[in-house]
N, C-alpha and C. Protein backbone atom coordinates (compact mmCIF):
# COMPACT_ATOMS: atom_id res chain seq x y z
N UNK A 1 2.44 -20.80 2.03
CA UNK A 1 2.72 -19.89 3.13
C UNK A 1 1.77 -18.69 3.03
N UNK A 2 1.16 -18.33 4.14
CA UNK A 2 0.26 -17.18 4.19
C UNK A 2 1.05 -15.88 4.12
N UNK A 3 0.40 -14.84 3.61
CA UNK A 3 1.00 -13.51 3.64
C UNK A 3 1.09 -13.02 5.09
N UNK A 4 -0.01 -13.19 5.82
CA UNK A 4 -0.06 -12.78 7.22
C UNK A 4 -0.77 -13.88 8.01
N UNK A 5 -0.16 -14.27 9.11
CA UNK A 5 -0.78 -15.27 9.97
C UNK A 5 -0.56 -14.86 11.42
N UNK A 6 -1.65 -14.80 12.15
CA UNK A 6 -1.60 -14.49 13.58
C UNK A 6 -2.06 -15.73 14.32
N UNK A 7 -1.28 -16.12 15.32
CA UNK A 7 -1.60 -17.32 16.10
C UNK A 7 -1.69 -16.95 17.58
N UNK A 8 -2.89 -17.09 18.13
CA UNK A 8 -3.13 -16.99 19.57
C UNK A 8 -2.56 -15.70 20.19
N UNK A 9 -2.83 -14.57 19.55
CA UNK A 9 -2.31 -13.28 20.03
C UNK A 9 -3.03 -12.85 21.31
N UNK A 10 -2.23 -12.46 22.30
CA UNK A 10 -2.76 -11.99 23.58
C UNK A 10 -2.09 -10.66 23.93
N UNK A 11 -2.92 -9.66 24.25
CA UNK A 11 -2.40 -8.34 24.61
C UNK A 11 -3.11 -7.89 25.89
N UNK A 12 -2.33 -7.45 26.86
CA UNK A 12 -2.87 -6.92 28.11
C UNK A 12 -2.44 -5.47 28.29
N UNK A 13 -3.23 -4.75 29.08
CA UNK A 13 -2.90 -3.38 29.47
C UNK A 13 -2.98 -3.26 30.98
N UNK A 14 -1.98 -2.59 31.53
CA UNK A 14 -1.98 -2.31 32.96
C UNK A 14 -2.73 -1.00 33.17
N UNK A 15 -3.70 -1.01 34.06
CA UNK A 15 -4.48 0.19 34.37
C UNK A 15 -4.48 0.41 35.87
N UNK A 16 -5.08 1.51 36.28
CA UNK A 16 -5.13 1.81 37.72
C UNK A 16 -6.02 0.82 38.47
N UNK A 17 -6.88 0.08 37.76
CA UNK A 17 -7.72 -0.93 38.42
C UNK A 17 -7.17 -2.34 38.25
N UNK A 18 -6.02 -2.45 37.61
CA UNK A 18 -5.41 -3.76 37.42
C UNK A 18 -5.16 -4.08 35.95
N UNK A 19 -4.85 -5.33 35.70
CA UNK A 19 -4.53 -5.81 34.36
C UNK A 19 -5.82 -6.07 33.58
N UNK A 20 -5.87 -5.58 32.32
CA UNK A 20 -7.04 -5.77 31.47
C UNK A 20 -6.61 -6.53 30.22
N UNK A 21 -7.39 -7.56 29.86
CA UNK A 21 -7.10 -8.32 28.64
C UNK A 21 -7.74 -7.59 27.46
N UNK A 22 -6.91 -7.03 26.60
CA UNK A 22 -7.41 -6.29 25.43
C UNK A 22 -7.64 -7.22 24.24
N UNK A 23 -6.79 -8.22 24.08
CA UNK A 23 -6.92 -9.20 23.00
C UNK A 23 -6.69 -10.57 23.63
N UNK A 24 -7.62 -11.49 23.38
CA UNK A 24 -7.59 -12.80 24.05
C UNK A 24 -7.52 -13.93 23.04
N UNK A 25 -6.37 -14.22 22.52
CA UNK A 25 -6.19 -15.40 21.69
C UNK A 25 -6.67 -15.27 20.25
N UNK A 26 -6.42 -14.14 19.63
CA UNK A 26 -6.83 -13.93 18.23
C UNK A 26 -5.92 -14.75 17.31
N UNK A 27 -6.56 -15.43 16.36
CA UNK A 27 -5.84 -16.16 15.31
C UNK A 27 -6.52 -15.87 13.99
N UNK A 28 -5.72 -15.65 12.96
CA UNK A 28 -6.27 -15.44 11.62
C UNK A 28 -5.18 -15.69 10.60
N UNK A 29 -5.62 -15.85 9.36
CA UNK A 29 -4.69 -16.08 8.27
C UNK A 29 -5.17 -15.31 7.05
N UNK A 30 -4.24 -14.69 6.36
CA UNK A 30 -4.55 -13.90 5.18
C UNK A 30 -3.59 -14.30 4.06
N UNK A 31 -4.17 -14.70 2.93
CA UNK A 31 -3.37 -15.10 1.78
C UNK A 31 -3.13 -13.89 0.88
N UNK A 32 -2.09 -13.96 0.08
CA UNK A 32 -1.79 -12.91 -0.91
C UNK A 32 -3.02 -12.68 -1.78
N UNK A 33 -3.42 -11.43 -1.96
CA UNK A 33 -4.57 -11.08 -2.80
C UNK A 33 -5.91 -11.15 -2.10
N UNK A 34 -5.96 -11.68 -0.89
CA UNK A 34 -7.21 -11.75 -0.14
C UNK A 34 -7.48 -10.43 0.58
N UNK A 35 -8.75 -10.21 0.91
CA UNK A 35 -9.16 -9.07 1.72
C UNK A 35 -9.79 -9.63 2.98
N UNK A 36 -9.44 -9.07 4.12
CA UNK A 36 -9.97 -9.54 5.40
C UNK A 36 -10.49 -8.34 6.17
N UNK A 37 -11.68 -8.45 6.69
CA UNK A 37 -12.24 -7.38 7.52
C UNK A 37 -12.37 -7.87 8.95
N UNK A 38 -11.90 -7.06 9.89
CA UNK A 38 -12.10 -7.35 11.31
C UNK A 38 -13.33 -6.56 11.75
N UNK A 39 -14.33 -7.28 12.21
CA UNK A 39 -15.59 -6.66 12.58
C UNK A 39 -15.90 -6.99 14.03
N UNK A 40 -16.40 -6.01 14.75
CA UNK A 40 -16.79 -6.24 16.13
C UNK A 40 -17.16 -4.95 16.80
N UNK A 41 -17.72 -5.08 17.97
CA UNK A 41 -18.16 -3.88 18.69
C UNK A 41 -16.97 -3.08 19.20
N UNK A 42 -17.23 -1.87 19.56
CA UNK A 42 -16.20 -0.98 20.09
C UNK A 42 -15.53 -1.62 21.30
N UNK A 43 -14.21 -1.59 21.31
CA UNK A 43 -13.47 -2.12 22.45
C UNK A 43 -13.18 -3.60 22.40
N UNK A 44 -13.47 -4.26 21.27
CA UNK A 44 -13.28 -5.72 21.21
C UNK A 44 -11.86 -6.13 20.82
N UNK A 45 -11.00 -5.15 20.41
CA UNK A 45 -9.61 -5.47 20.12
C UNK A 45 -9.20 -5.39 18.67
N UNK A 46 -10.07 -4.86 17.81
CA UNK A 46 -9.72 -4.76 16.38
C UNK A 46 -8.49 -3.87 16.18
N UNK A 47 -8.52 -2.69 16.72
CA UNK A 47 -7.39 -1.76 16.55
C UNK A 47 -6.13 -2.27 17.25
N UNK A 48 -6.29 -2.89 18.41
CA UNK A 48 -5.14 -3.44 19.13
C UNK A 48 -4.48 -4.55 18.31
N UNK A 49 -5.29 -5.36 17.65
CA UNK A 49 -4.73 -6.42 16.80
C UNK A 49 -3.93 -5.81 15.65
N UNK A 50 -4.51 -4.78 15.00
CA UNK A 50 -3.81 -4.12 13.89
C UNK A 50 -2.53 -3.44 14.38
N UNK A 51 -2.60 -2.79 15.53
CA UNK A 51 -1.40 -2.12 16.06
C UNK A 51 -0.33 -3.13 16.46
N UNK A 52 -0.75 -4.31 16.91
CA UNK A 52 0.22 -5.34 17.27
C UNK A 52 0.97 -5.83 16.03
N UNK A 53 0.26 -5.94 14.90
CA UNK A 53 0.92 -6.37 13.66
C UNK A 53 2.06 -5.42 13.33
N UNK A 54 1.86 -4.12 13.53
CA UNK A 54 2.88 -3.12 13.23
C UNK A 54 3.81 -2.86 14.42
N UNK A 55 3.59 -3.57 15.50
CA UNK A 55 4.36 -3.38 16.74
C UNK A 55 4.26 -1.95 17.24
N UNK A 56 3.03 -1.46 17.30
CA UNK A 56 2.76 -0.09 17.77
C UNK A 56 1.99 -0.06 19.09
N UNK A 57 1.97 -1.17 19.80
CA UNK A 57 1.30 -1.19 21.11
C UNK A 57 2.11 -0.32 22.06
N UNK A 58 1.46 0.69 22.67
CA UNK A 58 2.20 1.56 23.59
C UNK A 58 2.64 0.78 24.83
N UNK A 59 3.96 0.71 25.04
CA UNK A 59 4.49 -0.05 26.15
C UNK A 59 5.41 0.81 27.00
N UNK A 60 5.16 1.00 28.30
CA UNK A 60 3.91 0.63 28.95
C UNK A 60 2.78 1.56 28.52
N UNK A 61 1.57 1.24 28.78
CA UNK A 61 1.01 0.23 29.67
C UNK A 61 0.69 -1.10 28.97
N UNK A 62 0.78 -1.14 27.62
CA UNK A 62 0.40 -2.36 26.90
C UNK A 62 1.53 -3.34 26.79
N UNK A 63 1.16 -4.61 26.62
CA UNK A 63 2.17 -5.65 26.47
C UNK A 63 1.58 -6.82 25.69
N UNK A 64 2.33 -7.28 24.68
CA UNK A 64 1.94 -8.49 23.97
C UNK A 64 2.42 -9.65 24.82
N UNK A 65 1.47 -10.41 25.36
CA UNK A 65 1.81 -11.48 26.29
C UNK A 65 2.11 -12.81 25.62
N UNK A 66 1.57 -13.00 24.43
CA UNK A 66 1.81 -14.28 23.79
C UNK A 66 1.30 -14.29 22.36
N UNK A 67 1.68 -15.34 21.67
CA UNK A 67 1.26 -15.52 20.30
C UNK A 67 2.38 -15.22 19.32
N UNK A 68 2.03 -15.34 18.06
CA UNK A 68 2.97 -15.07 16.98
C UNK A 68 2.26 -14.27 15.90
N UNK A 69 3.02 -13.41 15.23
CA UNK A 69 2.51 -12.67 14.08
C UNK A 69 3.52 -12.89 12.96
N UNK A 70 3.12 -13.71 11.99
CA UNK A 70 4.01 -14.04 10.87
C UNK A 70 3.62 -13.21 9.64
N UNK A 71 4.60 -12.56 9.07
CA UNK A 71 4.43 -11.85 7.80
C UNK A 71 5.42 -12.46 6.82
N UNK A 72 4.88 -13.06 5.77
CA UNK A 72 5.70 -13.78 4.79
C UNK A 72 6.65 -14.77 5.46
N UNK A 73 6.13 -15.45 6.49
CA UNK A 73 6.88 -16.50 7.17
C UNK A 73 7.80 -16.05 8.28
N UNK A 74 7.96 -14.74 8.47
CA UNK A 74 8.86 -14.23 9.52
C UNK A 74 8.03 -13.69 10.68
N UNK A 75 8.41 -14.04 11.90
CA UNK A 75 7.68 -13.61 13.09
C UNK A 75 8.03 -12.16 13.41
N UNK A 76 7.05 -11.28 13.23
CA UNK A 76 7.28 -9.85 13.47
C UNK A 76 7.58 -9.56 14.94
N UNK A 77 7.13 -10.42 15.83
CA UNK A 77 7.38 -10.18 17.26
C UNK A 77 8.84 -10.45 17.64
N UNK A 78 9.58 -11.09 16.75
CA UNK A 78 11.00 -11.35 16.99
C UNK A 78 11.90 -10.27 16.38
N UNK A 79 11.31 -9.35 15.62
CA UNK A 79 12.11 -8.31 14.96
C UNK A 79 12.33 -7.13 15.90
N UNK A 80 13.50 -6.50 15.79
CA UNK A 80 13.75 -5.30 16.59
C UNK A 80 13.09 -4.10 15.89
N UNK A 81 13.09 -2.96 16.57
CA UNK A 81 12.38 -1.79 16.05
C UNK A 81 12.98 -1.27 14.75
N UNK A 82 14.28 -1.41 14.58
CA UNK A 82 14.93 -0.99 13.33
C UNK A 82 14.41 -1.82 12.15
N UNK A 83 14.28 -3.12 12.36
CA UNK A 83 13.75 -3.98 11.30
C UNK A 83 12.29 -3.66 11.02
N UNK A 84 11.52 -3.33 12.06
CA UNK A 84 10.11 -3.00 11.89
C UNK A 84 9.94 -1.70 11.11
N UNK A 85 10.83 -0.74 11.30
CA UNK A 85 10.75 0.53 10.56
C UNK A 85 10.86 0.29 9.05
N UNK A 86 11.63 -0.72 8.66
CA UNK A 86 11.78 -1.04 7.23
C UNK A 86 10.51 -1.68 6.66
N UNK A 87 9.73 -2.31 7.52
CA UNK A 87 8.51 -2.99 7.09
C UNK A 87 7.32 -2.03 7.08
N UNK A 88 7.22 -1.19 8.12
CA UNK A 88 6.10 -0.26 8.24
C UNK A 88 6.09 0.73 7.08
N UNK A 89 4.92 0.87 6.47
CA UNK A 89 4.77 1.84 5.39
C UNK A 89 5.13 1.28 4.03
N UNK A 90 6.13 0.41 3.98
CA UNK A 90 6.52 -0.17 2.69
C UNK A 90 5.76 -1.46 2.42
N UNK A 91 5.68 -2.32 3.42
CA UNK A 91 5.04 -3.63 3.24
C UNK A 91 3.71 -3.74 3.99
N UNK A 92 3.61 -3.07 5.13
CA UNK A 92 2.38 -3.10 5.94
C UNK A 92 2.09 -1.67 6.38
N UNK A 93 0.85 -1.26 6.24
CA UNK A 93 0.46 0.08 6.68
C UNK A 93 -0.91 0.02 7.33
N UNK A 94 -1.22 1.05 8.07
CA UNK A 94 -2.50 1.13 8.76
C UNK A 94 -3.04 2.54 8.62
N UNK A 95 -4.31 2.64 8.32
CA UNK A 95 -4.97 3.94 8.33
C UNK A 95 -5.71 4.03 9.66
N UNK A 96 -5.29 4.93 10.50
CA UNK A 96 -5.85 5.02 11.84
C UNK A 96 -7.25 5.62 11.80
N UNK A 97 -8.08 5.26 12.77
CA UNK A 97 -9.46 5.74 12.84
C UNK A 97 -9.53 7.25 13.05
N UNK A 98 -8.64 7.76 13.85
CA UNK A 98 -8.63 9.18 14.18
C UNK A 98 -7.96 9.95 13.04
N UNK A 99 -8.70 10.83 12.34
CA UNK A 99 -8.09 11.54 11.20
C UNK A 99 -6.90 12.40 11.60
N UNK A 100 -6.82 12.83 12.84
CA UNK A 100 -5.69 13.66 13.26
C UNK A 100 -4.40 12.85 13.36
N UNK A 101 -4.49 11.52 13.41
CA UNK A 101 -3.28 10.71 13.44
C UNK A 101 -2.99 10.09 12.08
N UNK A 102 -3.90 10.25 11.12
CA UNK A 102 -3.71 9.65 9.80
C UNK A 102 -2.84 10.53 8.92
N UNK A 103 -3.16 11.79 8.84
CA UNK A 103 -2.39 12.73 8.03
C UNK A 103 -2.03 13.94 8.88
N UNK A 104 -0.91 14.53 8.58
CA UNK A 104 -0.47 15.72 9.30
C UNK A 104 -1.07 16.94 8.60
N UNK A 105 -1.96 17.68 9.27
CA UNK A 105 -2.61 18.81 8.62
C UNK A 105 -1.68 19.98 8.30
N UNK A 106 -0.46 19.96 8.85
CA UNK A 106 0.48 21.06 8.57
C UNK A 106 1.33 20.79 7.33
N UNK A 107 1.21 19.58 6.76
CA UNK A 107 1.97 19.22 5.56
C UNK A 107 1.01 18.89 4.43
N UNK A 108 1.43 19.15 3.21
CA UNK A 108 0.58 18.77 2.08
C UNK A 108 0.58 17.25 1.95
N UNK A 109 -0.46 16.73 1.33
CA UNK A 109 -0.53 15.30 1.09
C UNK A 109 0.65 14.86 0.22
N UNK A 110 1.00 15.70 -0.76
CA UNK A 110 2.14 15.39 -1.62
C UNK A 110 3.42 15.21 -0.83
N UNK A 111 3.67 16.10 0.12
CA UNK A 111 4.89 15.99 0.94
C UNK A 111 4.87 14.73 1.80
N UNK A 112 3.69 14.35 2.28
CA UNK A 112 3.60 13.15 3.10
C UNK A 112 3.83 11.89 2.26
N UNK A 113 3.36 11.89 1.03
CA UNK A 113 3.63 10.78 0.12
C UNK A 113 5.12 10.75 -0.22
N UNK A 114 5.69 11.92 -0.47
CA UNK A 114 7.12 12.01 -0.79
C UNK A 114 7.98 11.45 0.35
N UNK A 115 7.58 11.71 1.59
CA UNK A 115 8.34 11.21 2.73
C UNK A 115 8.43 9.68 2.71
N UNK A 116 7.31 9.04 2.42
CA UNK A 116 7.29 7.58 2.34
C UNK A 116 8.20 7.09 1.21
N UNK A 117 8.13 7.77 0.08
CA UNK A 117 8.93 7.37 -1.08
C UNK A 117 10.43 7.55 -0.84
N UNK A 118 10.82 8.61 -0.15
CA UNK A 118 12.25 8.81 0.13
C UNK A 118 12.74 7.82 1.19
N UNK A 119 11.90 7.53 2.20
CA UNK A 119 12.32 6.62 3.26
C UNK A 119 12.37 5.17 2.80
N UNK A 120 11.34 4.74 2.08
CA UNK A 120 11.23 3.31 1.77
C UNK A 120 11.71 2.92 0.38
N UNK A 121 11.73 3.86 -0.53
CA UNK A 121 12.20 3.52 -1.87
C UNK A 121 13.52 4.18 -2.20
N UNK A 122 14.03 5.00 -1.28
CA UNK A 122 15.33 5.62 -1.47
C UNK A 122 15.37 6.65 -2.59
N UNK A 123 14.22 7.20 -2.96
CA UNK A 123 14.19 8.18 -4.04
C UNK A 123 14.72 9.53 -3.57
N UNK A 124 15.35 10.24 -4.47
CA UNK A 124 15.77 11.62 -4.21
C UNK A 124 14.53 12.50 -4.23
N UNK A 125 14.65 13.70 -3.70
CA UNK A 125 13.51 14.61 -3.56
C UNK A 125 12.78 14.83 -4.89
N UNK A 126 13.51 15.11 -5.93
CA UNK A 126 12.90 15.39 -7.24
C UNK A 126 12.14 14.16 -7.77
N UNK A 127 12.77 12.98 -7.64
CA UNK A 127 12.13 11.73 -8.10
C UNK A 127 10.88 11.44 -7.28
N UNK A 128 10.98 11.66 -5.98
CA UNK A 128 9.84 11.41 -5.09
C UNK A 128 8.68 12.35 -5.43
N UNK A 129 8.99 13.61 -5.72
CA UNK A 129 7.95 14.58 -6.09
C UNK A 129 7.24 14.13 -7.37
N UNK A 130 8.02 13.71 -8.37
CA UNK A 130 7.43 13.25 -9.64
C UNK A 130 6.54 12.03 -9.43
N UNK A 131 7.03 11.08 -8.64
CA UNK A 131 6.25 9.86 -8.40
C UNK A 131 4.99 10.19 -7.59
N UNK A 132 5.11 11.07 -6.60
CA UNK A 132 3.94 11.47 -5.80
C UNK A 132 2.89 12.11 -6.69
N UNK A 133 3.31 12.99 -7.59
CA UNK A 133 2.37 13.62 -8.52
C UNK A 133 1.70 12.59 -9.42
N UNK A 134 2.48 11.64 -9.91
CA UNK A 134 1.91 10.57 -10.73
C UNK A 134 0.86 9.78 -9.96
N UNK A 135 1.18 9.46 -8.71
CA UNK A 135 0.23 8.70 -7.88
C UNK A 135 -1.04 9.49 -7.63
N UNK A 136 -0.91 10.77 -7.36
CA UNK A 136 -2.08 11.60 -7.11
C UNK A 136 -2.94 11.74 -8.37
N UNK A 137 -2.30 11.84 -9.52
CA UNK A 137 -3.05 11.95 -10.79
C UNK A 137 -3.87 10.69 -11.06
N UNK A 138 -3.36 9.53 -10.65
CA UNK A 138 -4.07 8.27 -10.85
C UNK A 138 -5.37 8.21 -10.04
N UNK A 139 -5.47 8.97 -8.97
CA UNK A 139 -6.65 8.95 -8.10
C UNK A 139 -7.71 9.96 -8.54
N UNK A 140 -7.47 10.66 -9.61
CA UNK A 140 -8.42 11.67 -10.10
C UNK A 140 -9.77 11.10 -10.41
C-alpha cells in the first residue's frame, strides 16, 4: 500500500469568464520514505494538487470534480473537515510559497511550533515549550 496515491484528480475553478480546469487528471504514487517533486511551469496545478491533498481548495470558487486521494489507504476526499484537521500538520503538512502564509510574523517561531504540539500531540504548555526548544536546538 502506498503512503500517498492520487488517482485522476480533477479540479475546476469558476471565474467571471467561465469554468477553468486547474488540474486535469493528475495521478501519482508515493511510497513511505520516498521523495517526490512536482515540477512544472507557473499555473500548471502543482499548488492546487498539494492543496487538494490537504483539502484546502477554496470553495467556492474551486471544486474537486473527480478522482481519489488516498493517504495510507484512506480516501481523504471522503473525510469530513473535523477528520482532516486531525491529519493536517500531524501527518501531512505543506509549506506555502508565500512566506506571509507560512509563518505568522506576529508570533515567535517557538510559539508556532508549540501550537502544533499542543493541538496534535496533546502536550501541555510547559511540555510543548520544552519539546519546541529541543527541536529548535537540533536545527542549530
